[in-house]
Amino acid sequence: MNNPTLQTIADQAGVSRAAVSLALRNQPGISVETRDRIKKIAEEQGYRPNPMVSALMSHLKSLRPMTNVGSIPFVTDFPTRDGWREFPTVLRYYNGANQRAQQAGYHLEEMWLREPGMTSKKMRSILINRGVEGVLIAPLPLGRRHVSLDLSNFAAATMGFSLVRPKLHRAVHRHIESLRLVIHKLGHLGYRGIGFVVYETQDRRNDFNWSTAYAGYQISLPVKQRIPIYYIENGNSAIFAKWLKTWKPEVILTGNSMVIDMLKEAGLSVPGDVGVATLDHSAVDKGVAGIDQLPELVGAAAMDMIVAQINRNERGIPASPRQITTEGVWVPGKTLRKLLGARNTVEID
């Protein structure tokens, strides 16, 4: 059986060829009822896009200068409009997504879900009236939360693990691999007693990938050498000092630079008494050794997913969300030193 054409579907549905094209691309301009009826007819007739035509259109697009073909909202849900800018990693996500959007001919537009008078229904209406095709959901402020925004008409993606619902395609940093890399680097420097100090909320935002990888590392050690995670929320400076005295870590993994102040308060110098390595270089002061997650690559990957969906005419919540992971790089710093037995191939500064 020959693949039906748009005109064949239009004739059976009693609509124009243009209406069929809009329906199959989930574009505004026709009612939801008409769109669903056209899609059902297309499915019954066994309609499939012509791959040669799709390839030709993609090629023609690549030959045209990139002009602005529309906006892709960067939807935030922080308590304040610019609250997301206080998070260096999120800001770098945005910069990477914005650059990739411009390369694809789109404009990344900030939209705040908590704008006075704004509702999820109103925002959806605004997006449809503007002819928006794709939506990028920014990381949420408290992690492991959801947003109430109907995305059935849009190509969508998010960054990081903080958005639980709706379940979208997402781009994330490969946290587990980064922690393994840090432990590997610390081993080359001669460190053996590796502790982990982190906010539970920060670990939660990363879907507990950090603590999972650290637990796996701990299991590989003899029981007497294992050091339990210290969650900063669990106590004050006295409890932290007791943790240090009990477990005597040679180096501490962390997700922020607050640990350095905590160590100084406990009377310890960095890196003289205890080394420090970060798992998120965006969230620490310059000079701290650790992982730069390269969040710009995560933002660019999320935008790639949206543009790809638009080009494939895919809209709505995916039945099986995909996840793209990106890797970071090791950044030497002044918070580590070479211990006895360290290999000469490892840089510190």
Foldseek 3Di string as FASTA:
>chain_A
DDADDLVNLCVVLVHDSVVLVCLLLLAPDDDPVSSVVSVVSNVVSVHDDDPVVLVVVVVVLVPDPQAAPEEAEAEAEEPDQCVLVVQLLLVLLVVLLQVLQVVNNHHYHYDYCVDVPHHLVNVQVVCNVRRHAAYEYEAYDQFCDEDPHFFQSHQYEYEFHRHDPPDAAAEYAQLLVQLVVVVVLVVLLPFQQEAEEEAPSVCRSNVVSNVVSLVVVQVVDDPLSHQDHHHPVPDDLVVVLVSCVVNVGQEYEYAAAVVQVSCVVSVHHFNPRHFYEYDDVSHYDPFHWGWHSSSSVRSSVRSVSRVVCSSVSHTGGDPDHHYHYDYTDTDAGRRDHRDPPRDPVRDRD
